[in-house]
Amino acid sequence: MAIAVGVIETQTFPAVLAAADAMVKAARVTLVKYDRSESGRQFVAVRGLVAEVKRAMEAGLAAADACPGAAEVTTHIIIPNPEENIEAVLPIEFTPQSEPFWV
């Protein structure tokens, strides 16, 4: 079973909130990380099956772009089946907080 990771970075918190909400509603994915990145930008990461992450990312990008104001998506990526070393180093692993929501 190939588990992917999808990440969306936006300029504003409302946009990343809208993206996260749309992502978990549109597909069977687990939100594993939210944080601030450089220059106050916000990012959200989801994990799930590759097809589910692709569907979630489409919904998340549409929701973030639909936010009023300067809700600009700065970048996004889907990585299918990331290597074990990447999961150990970067903040994309399932955490105790995300485990109850793992789908």
C-alpha atoms as a PDB file:
ATOM      1  CA  MET A   1       0.000   0.000   0.000  1.00  0.00           C
ATOM      2  CA  ALA A   2       1.614   3.248  -1.190  1.00  0.00           C
ATOM      3  CA  ILE A   3       1.146   6.056   1.306  1.00  0.00           C
ATOM      4  CA  ALA A   4       1.728   9.580  -0.013  1.00  0.00           C
ATOM      5  CA  VAL A   5       2.265  12.955   1.586  1.00  0.00           C
ATOM      6  CA  GLY A   6       0.746  16.182   0.289  1.00  0.00           C
ATOM      7  CA  VAL A   7       1.719  19.671   1.457  1.00  0.00           C
ATOM      8  CA  ILE A   8       0.122  23.048   0.750  1.00  0.00           C
ATOM      9  CA  GLU A   9       1.730  26.342   1.793  1.00  0.00           C
ATOM     10  CA  THR A  10      -0.256  29.580   1.797  1.00  0.00           C
ATOM     11  CA  GLN A  11       0.293  33.225   2.678  1.00  0.00           C
ATOM     12  CA  THR A  12      -2.468  33.404   5.303  1.00  0.00           C
ATOM     13  CA  PHE A  13      -3.934  31.305   8.083  1.00  0.00           C
ATOM     14  CA  PRO A  14      -7.530  31.462   6.762  1.00  0.00           C
ATOM     15  CA  ALA A  15      -6.361  30.003   3.445  1.00  0.00           C
ATOM     16  CA  VAL A  16      -4.496  27.124   5.089  1.00  0.00           C
ATOM     17  CA  LEU A  17      -7.483  26.478   7.357  1.00  0.00           C
ATOM     18  CA  ALA A  18      -9.811  26.351   4.350  1.00  0.00           C
ATOM     19  CA  ALA A  19      -7.374  24.048   2.555  1.00  0.00           C
ATOM     20  CA  ALA A  20      -7.075  21.684   5.523  1.00  0.00           C
ATOM     21  CA  ASP A  21     -10.828  21.525   5.995  1.00  0.00           C
ATOM     22  CA  ALA A  22     -11.461  20.824   2.313  1.00  0.00           C
ATOM     23  CA  MET A  23      -8.710  18.189   2.186  1.00  0.00           C
ATOM     24  CA  VAL A  24     -10.013  16.056   5.036  1.00  0.00           C
ATOM     25  CA  LYS A  25     -13.602  16.372   3.796  1.00  0.00           C
ATOM     26  CA  ALA A  26     -12.801  15.514   0.162  1.00  0.00           C
ATOM     27  CA  ALA A  27     -10.757  12.349   0.677  1.00  0.00           C
ATOM     28  CA  ARG A  28      -9.705   9.689   3.158  1.00  0.00           C
ATOM     29  CA  VAL A  29      -6.549  11.447   4.376  1.00  0.00           C
ATOM     30  CA  THR A  30      -5.090  12.238   7.776  1.00  0.00           C
ATOM     31  CA  LEU A  31      -3.884  15.734   8.641  1.00  0.00           C
ATOM     32  CA  VAL A  32      -0.450  15.074  10.150  1.00  0.00           C
ATOM     33  CA  LYS A  33       1.120  18.514  10.453  1.00  0.00           C
ATOM     34  CA  TYR A  34       0.308  22.213  10.492  1.00  0.00           C
ATOM     35  CA  ASP A  35       2.907  24.871  11.196  1.00  0.00           C
ATOM     36  CA  ARG A  36       4.293  28.229  10.192  1.00  0.00           C
ATOM     37  CA  SER A  37       7.095  28.317   7.684  1.00  0.00           C
ATOM     38  CA  GLU A  38       9.352  31.129   6.495  1.00  0.00           C
ATOM     39  CA  SER A  39       8.074  34.712   6.494  1.00  0.00           C
ATOM     40  CA  GLY A  40       4.899  33.849   8.396  1.00  0.00           C
ATOM     41  CA  ARG A  41       3.519  31.559   5.718  1.00  0.00           C
ATOM     42  CA  GLN A  42       1.419  28.612   6.850  1.00  0.00           C
ATOM     43  CA  PHE A  43       1.567  24.991   5.695  1.00  0.00           C
ATOM     44  CA  VAL A  44      -0.497  21.866   6.171  1.00  0.00           C
ATOM     45  CA  ALA A  45       0.505  18.253   5.423  1.00  0.00           C
ATOM     46  CA  VAL A  46      -1.771  15.256   4.870  1.00  0.00           C
ATOM     47  CA  ARG A  47      -1.040  11.541   4.487  1.00  0.00           C
ATOM     48  CA  GLY A  48      -3.016   8.772   2.847  1.00  0.00           C
ATOM     49  CA  LEU A  49      -3.193   6.575  -0.215  1.00  0.00           C
ATOM     50  CA  VAL A  50      -1.762   8.221  -3.327  1.00  0.00           C
ATOM     51  CA  ALA A  51      -5.131   8.613  -5.090  1.00  0.00           C
ATOM     52  CA  GLU A  52      -6.735  10.000  -1.930  1.00  0.00           C
ATOM     53  CA  VAL A  53      -3.941  12.539  -1.393  1.00  0.00           C
ATOM     54  CA  LYS A  54      -4.271  13.690  -5.021  1.00  0.00           C
ATOM     55  CA  ARG A  55      -8.027  14.193  -4.551  1.00  0.00           C
ATOM     56  CA  ALA A  56      -7.453  15.990  -1.238  1.00  0.00           C
ATOM     57  CA  MET A  57      -4.830  18.290  -2.733  1.00  0.00           C
ATOM     58  CA  GLU A  58      -7.144  19.308  -5.585  1.00  0.00           C
ATOM     59  CA  ALA A  59      -9.861  20.215  -3.082  1.00  0.00           C
ATOM     60  CA  GLY A  60      -7.415  21.991  -0.764  1.00  0.00           C
ATOM     61  CA  LEU A  61      -5.916  24.086  -3.536  1.00  0.00           C
ATOM     62  CA  ALA A  62      -9.357  25.112  -4.781  1.00  0.00           C
ATOM     63  CA  ALA A  63     -10.481  26.048  -1.266  1.00  0.00           C
ATOM     64  CA  ALA A  64      -7.346  28.080  -0.535  1.00  0.00           C
ATOM     65  CA  ASP A  65      -7.609  29.935  -3.841  1.00  0.00           C
ATOM     66  CA  ALA A  66     -11.270  30.723  -3.132  1.00  0.00           C
ATOM     67  CA  CYS A  67     -10.461  32.539   0.127  1.00  0.00           C
ATOM     68  CA  PRO A  68     -11.084  36.289  -0.089  1.00  0.00           C
ATOM     69  CA  GLY A  69      -8.191  38.684   0.213  1.00  0.00           C
ATOM     70  CA  ALA A  70      -4.533  37.851  -0.207  1.00  0.00           C
ATOM     71  CA  ALA A  71      -4.979  34.113   0.305  1.00  0.00           C
ATOM     72  CA  GLU A  72      -2.321  33.077  -2.139  1.00  0.00           C
ATOM     73  CA  VAL A  73      -1.064  29.497  -2.374  1.00  0.00           C
ATOM     74  CA  THR A  74       2.702  29.858  -2.490  1.00  0.00           C
ATOM     75  CA  THR A  75       3.590  26.229  -3.202  1.00  0.00           C
ATOM     76  CA  HIS A  76       2.321  22.674  -3.036  1.00  0.00           C
ATOM     77  CA  ILE A  77       3.630  19.158  -3.616  1.00  0.00           C
ATOM     78  CA  ILE A  78       2.608  15.506  -3.545  1.00  0.00           C
ATOM     79  CA  ILE A  79       5.242  12.877  -2.795  1.00  0.00           C
ATOM     80  CA  PRO A  80       4.053   9.330  -3.398  1.00  0.00           C
ATOM     81  CA  ASN A  81       5.595   6.721  -1.097  1.00  0.00           C
ATOM     82  CA  PRO A  82       8.291   8.844   0.600  1.00  0.00           C
ATOM     83  CA  GLU A  83      11.401   7.017   1.765  1.00  0.00           C
ATOM     84  CA  GLU A  84      11.660   5.950   5.416  1.00  0.00           C
ATOM     85  CA  ASN A  85      14.552   8.365   5.984  1.00  0.00           C
ATOM     86  CA  ILE A  86      12.395  11.318   4.899  1.00  0.00           C
ATOM     87  CA  GLU A  87       9.662  10.296   7.340  1.00  0.00           C
ATOM     88  CA  ALA A  88      12.219  10.058  10.157  1.00  0.00           C
ATOM     89  CA  VAL A  89      13.668  13.533   9.568  1.00  0.00           C
ATOM     90  CA  LEU A  90      10.864  15.741   8.250  1.00  0.00           C
ATOM     91  CA  PRO A  91       7.615  16.499  10.112  1.00  0.00           C
ATOM     92  CA  ILE A  92       5.357  14.263   7.989  1.00  0.00           C
ATOM     93  CA  GLU A  93       5.028  11.194  10.208  1.00  0.00           C
ATOM     94  CA  PHE A  94       1.854  10.086  11.910  1.00  0.00           C
ATOM     95  CA  THR A  95       1.972  11.430  15.476  1.00  0.00           C
ATOM     96  CA  PRO A  96       0.128  10.308  18.608  1.00  0.00           C
ATOM     97  CA  GLN A  97      -2.192  13.290  18.053  1.00  0.00           C
ATOM     98  CA  SER A  98      -2.994  12.210  14.474  1.00  0.00           C
ATOM     99  CA  GLU A  99      -3.225   8.450  15.144  1.00  0.00           C
ATOM    100  CA  PRO A 100      -6.944   8.492  16.153  1.00  0.00           C
ATOM    101  CA  PHE A 101      -7.754  10.047  12.769  1.00  0.00           C
ATOM    102  CA  TRP A 102      -5.604   7.747  10.648  1.00  0.00           C
ATOM    103  CA  VAL A 103      -7.756   6.443   7.783  1.00  0.00           C
END
